[in-house]
Amino acid sequence: MAKSRYMTFAPHNPNSGISTAAGLHLCAGIENLEVLEHMSRDVPWGDEIIKHDFEVTDGTIEVPDKPGLGVEFDAEAAKQYPGEPKDSHSLFDEAGALKRP
């Protein structure tokens, strides 16, 4: 849609290395790419759970060419860092039902 309007495309990625790898593959096929936003070091333990070869050189990251997305997820290491619930102003309650006004 952006290309048909002569606009550039800049996907926002505030997530992990897996999302960065997926974003890199997506961006490699887009002619009107502006930039891929990513979190290079969002948490100190990120490299423990995602094995990758991402390196920013002159503002670019090479698209991984290993199988799949090109990263390796370590599920056992990830278990050491469980997520913490936070109030994100969700439309859903704790049981998963849609909140009604």
Protein backbone atom coordinates (compact mmCIF):
# COMPACT_ATOMS: atom_id res chain seq x y z
CA MET A 1 0.00 0.00 0.00
CA ALA A 2 2.79 2.41 0.84
CA LYS A 3 4.58 1.76 -2.45
CA SER A 4 1.44 2.53 -4.45
CA ARG A 5 1.38 5.96 -2.76
CA TYR A 6 5.14 6.56 -3.28
CA MET A 7 5.76 6.27 0.46
CA THR A 8 8.62 4.57 2.24
CA PHE A 9 8.10 1.74 4.71
CA ALA A 10 9.68 1.66 8.20
CA PRO A 11 8.60 -1.35 10.26
CA HIS A 12 8.82 -0.88 14.02
CA ASN A 13 10.25 -3.81 15.98
CA PRO A 14 10.40 -3.41 19.76
CA ASN A 15 10.83 -7.16 20.27
CA SER A 16 13.49 -9.86 20.43
CA GLY A 17 16.12 -11.15 18.04
CA ILE A 18 13.59 -13.52 16.50
CA SER A 19 11.47 -10.55 15.45
CA THR A 20 14.57 -8.75 14.20
CA ALA A 21 15.45 -11.75 12.02
CA ALA A 22 11.89 -11.89 10.65
CA GLY A 23 12.00 -8.14 10.01
CA LEU A 24 15.29 -8.43 8.14
CA HIS A 25 13.83 -11.07 5.84
CA LEU A 26 10.73 -8.95 5.26
CA CYS A 27 12.76 -5.82 4.57
CA ALA A 28 15.02 -7.64 2.10
CA GLY A 29 12.06 -7.95 -0.25
CA ILE A 30 10.73 -4.40 0.00
CA GLU A 31 11.74 -1.83 -2.61
CA ASN A 32 10.56 1.20 -0.65
CA LEU A 33 12.22 0.35 2.67
CA GLU A 34 13.23 3.35 4.77
CA VAL A 35 14.59 1.66 7.89
CA LEU A 36 13.99 -1.32 10.19
CA GLU A 37 13.69 -0.14 13.75
CA HIS A 38 15.03 -2.71 16.19
CA MET A 39 16.20 -3.14 19.75
CA SER A 40 19.86 -4.08 19.47
CA ARG A 41 20.34 -4.55 23.20
CA ASP A 42 16.94 -4.38 24.88
CA VAL A 43 17.84 -6.75 27.75
CA PRO A 44 21.28 -7.86 28.97
CA TRP A 45 20.40 -11.56 28.61
CA GLY A 46 19.05 -11.37 25.04
CA ASP A 47 22.10 -13.07 23.53
CA GLU A 48 21.68 -15.98 25.93
CA ILE A 49 18.34 -17.00 24.46
CA ILE A 50 18.85 -16.04 20.81
CA LYS A 51 22.03 -17.09 19.02
CA HIS A 52 22.61 -14.86 16.00
CA ASP A 53 25.24 -13.11 13.92
CA PHE A 54 23.59 -9.67 13.77
CA GLU A 55 26.12 -6.91 13.44
CA VAL A 56 25.29 -3.35 12.51
CA THR A 57 27.90 -2.10 10.04
CA ASP A 58 27.49 1.35 8.48
CA GLY A 59 23.81 1.29 9.42
CA THR A 60 23.05 -2.09 7.87
CA ILE A 61 22.54 -5.65 9.10
CA GLU A 62 23.07 -8.58 6.77
CA VAL A 63 20.09 -10.86 6.29
CA PRO A 64 20.84 -14.22 7.94
CA ASP A 65 21.30 -17.07 5.46
CA LYS A 66 21.09 -19.97 7.90
CA PRO A 67 17.97 -22.22 7.82
CA GLY A 68 14.67 -20.70 8.91
CA LEU A 69 15.01 -17.14 10.10
CA GLY A 70 18.75 -17.61 10.62
CA VAL A 71 18.71 -17.49 14.42
CA GLU A 72 18.71 -20.22 17.06
CA PHE A 73 16.31 -20.05 20.00
CA ASP A 74 17.47 -21.61 23.29
CA ALA A 75 14.25 -22.58 25.08
CA GLU A 76 16.06 -23.72 28.24
CA ALA A 77 17.84 -20.39 28.61
CA ALA A 78 14.56 -18.54 28.00
CA LYS A 79 12.95 -20.36 30.95
CA GLN A 80 15.36 -18.48 33.23
CA TYR A 81 13.73 -15.17 32.25
CA PRO A 82 9.95 -15.53 32.44
CA GLY A 83 7.91 -12.53 31.45
CA GLU A 84 6.29 -10.32 34.03
CA PRO A 85 2.66 -9.29 33.70
CA LYS A 86 2.11 -5.58 33.36
CA ASP A 87 -0.92 -3.40 32.89
CA SER A 88 -0.90 -2.64 29.20
CA HIS A 89 -4.41 -1.21 29.11
CA SER A 90 -5.56 -4.37 27.39
CA LEU A 91 -9.02 -4.71 25.89
CA PHE A 92 -9.21 -8.10 27.59
CA ASP A 93 -9.57 -9.09 31.24
CA GLU A 94 -7.49 -11.73 33.09
CA ALA A 95 -9.76 -14.54 31.82
CA GLY A 96 -9.31 -13.40 28.22
CA ALA A 97 -12.81 -11.96 27.84
CA LEU A 98 -13.35 -8.64 26.09
CA LYS A 99 -13.80 -5.83 28.61
CA ARG A 100 -17.08 -3.99 28.23
CA PRO A 101 -17.51 -0.30 29.06
